[in-house]
Amino acid sequence: MTLEEQFQNYRIFVENGVNLSEDTIRERLLLSMGGLGGESGEVVDELKKITMHRKEIDVTKMIDEMGDVLWYYVLLMNTLGVDFDQIMEYNTKKLTARHPHKHGGDVNA
């Protein structure tokens, strides 16, 4: 299975986790916002423990927390009707234009 196929399957998996017949866009945005904030905070907390308290890196714990962030991120993508390629392309152009000395490429490439 290609990465694209895996990602499309994951998008469906995320959609199966929400009730599309009742959820409004506003509710989906609120769910995405709250979930991203909370789960990103858990990633940050784990990183704080690793860096500031010298806790051993628990890769399984990091995968667990990053997976939760991914779920809410994909929910937001689905709600907005955008795909990962669009986001990567836009961000690459933006950062190349902002930091050409670091990314050193043609913004329109």
Protein backbone atom coordinates (compact mmCIF):
# COMPACT_ATOMS: atom_id res chain seq x y z
CA MET A 1 0.00 0.00 0.00
CA THR A 2 1.37 3.41 -0.94
CA LEU A 3 1.75 6.25 1.54
CA GLU A 4 -1.05 8.10 -0.29
CA GLU A 5 -3.37 5.10 0.08
CA GLN A 6 -2.49 4.80 3.77
CA PHE A 7 -3.24 8.47 4.30
CA GLN A 8 -6.58 8.25 2.47
CA ASN A 9 -7.51 5.25 4.62
CA TYR A 10 -6.56 7.24 7.72
CA ARG A 11 -8.76 10.15 6.60
CA ILE A 12 -11.68 7.70 6.36
CA PHE A 13 -10.76 6.26 9.76
CA VAL A 14 -10.93 9.77 11.26
CA GLU A 15 -14.29 10.46 9.60
CA ASN A 16 -15.64 7.24 11.07
CA GLY A 17 -14.77 8.67 14.49
CA VAL A 18 -17.12 11.64 14.14
CA ASN A 19 -20.86 11.74 13.52
CA LEU A 20 -21.10 13.53 10.18
CA SER A 21 -24.89 13.50 10.13
CA GLU A 22 -25.05 15.72 13.22
CA ASP A 23 -21.73 17.57 13.43
CA THR A 24 -21.77 21.07 11.98
CA ILE A 25 -18.64 22.69 10.60
CA ARG A 26 -18.52 24.88 13.71
CA GLU A 27 -18.65 21.82 16.00
CA ARG A 28 -15.98 20.06 13.95
CA LEU A 29 -13.74 23.15 14.13
CA LEU A 30 -14.26 23.37 17.89
CA LEU A 31 -13.45 19.67 18.27
CA SER A 32 -10.33 20.08 16.14
CA MET A 33 -9.23 23.19 18.03
CA GLY A 34 -9.72 21.70 21.48
CA GLY A 35 -8.18 18.38 20.49
CA LEU A 36 -5.13 19.93 18.83
CA GLY A 37 -4.56 22.22 21.81
CA GLY A 38 -4.91 19.48 24.38
CA GLU A 39 -2.97 16.77 22.57
CA SER A 40 -0.20 19.15 21.47
CA GLY A 41 0.10 20.13 25.11
CA GLU A 42 0.62 16.48 26.02
CA VAL A 43 3.44 16.23 23.43
CA VAL A 44 5.01 19.40 24.84
CA ASP A 45 4.68 18.09 28.40
CA GLU A 46 6.41 14.84 27.44
CA LEU A 47 9.21 16.78 25.71
CA LYS A 48 9.57 18.98 28.82
CA LYS A 49 10.00 15.87 30.98
CA ILE A 50 12.63 14.53 28.58
CA THR A 51 14.60 17.77 28.29
CA MET A 52 14.17 19.40 31.68
CA HIS A 53 13.78 16.40 33.99
CA ARG A 54 16.13 14.11 32.10
CA LYS A 55 13.44 11.48 31.61
CA GLU A 56 14.35 8.74 29.17
CA ILE A 57 12.78 9.11 25.74
CA ASP A 58 9.82 6.76 25.49
CA VAL A 59 9.30 6.50 21.73
CA THR A 60 6.08 4.53 22.20
CA LYS A 61 4.65 7.31 24.41
CA MET A 62 5.69 9.93 21.83
CA ILE A 63 4.07 7.96 19.01
CA ASP A 64 0.92 7.65 21.12
CA GLU A 65 0.72 11.40 21.75
CA MET A 66 1.72 12.39 18.19
CA GLY A 67 -0.93 10.01 16.87
CA ASP A 68 -3.58 11.87 18.86
CA VAL A 69 -2.34 15.18 17.41
CA LEU A 70 -2.47 13.64 13.92
CA TRP A 71 -6.08 12.50 14.41
CA TYR A 72 -7.26 16.03 15.23
CA TYR A 73 -5.08 17.54 12.49
CA VAL A 74 -6.64 15.21 9.91
CA LEU A 75 -10.10 16.03 11.25
CA LEU A 76 -9.33 19.72 10.64
CA MET A 77 -8.01 18.95 7.14
CA ASN A 78 -11.16 16.98 6.34
CA THR A 79 -13.38 19.73 7.70
CA LEU A 80 -11.64 22.40 5.62
CA GLY A 81 -11.54 20.19 2.53
CA VAL A 82 -7.78 20.42 2.09
CA ASP A 83 -5.21 17.71 1.60
CA PHE A 84 -1.69 17.22 2.86
CA ASP A 85 -0.15 18.00 -0.54
CA GLN A 86 -1.79 21.44 -0.57
CA ILE A 87 -0.51 22.22 2.91
CA MET A 88 3.03 21.06 2.16
CA GLU A 89 3.17 22.96 -1.14
CA TYR A 90 1.89 26.19 0.41
CA ASN A 91 4.19 25.90 3.43
CA THR A 92 7.23 25.13 1.26
CA LYS A 93 6.61 28.21 -0.89
CA LYS A 94 5.99 30.40 2.15
CA LEU A 95 9.13 29.29 4.00
CA THR A 96 11.30 29.42 0.88
CA ALA A 97 10.19 33.00 0.27
CA ARG A 98 10.69 33.92 3.91
CA HIS A 99 14.04 32.16 4.35
CA PRO A 100 15.66 31.77 0.91
CA HIS A 101 19.10 31.57 2.54
CA LYS A 102 18.01 28.39 4.34
CA HIS A 103 15.88 26.73 1.70
CA GLY A 104 17.73 28.05 -1.34
CA GLY A 105 15.28 27.10 -3.99
CA ASP A 106 12.97 28.65 -6.48
CA VAL A 107 9.78 29.68 -4.69
CA ASN A 108 7.76 28.60 -7.72
CA ALA A 109 9.40 25.19 -8.07
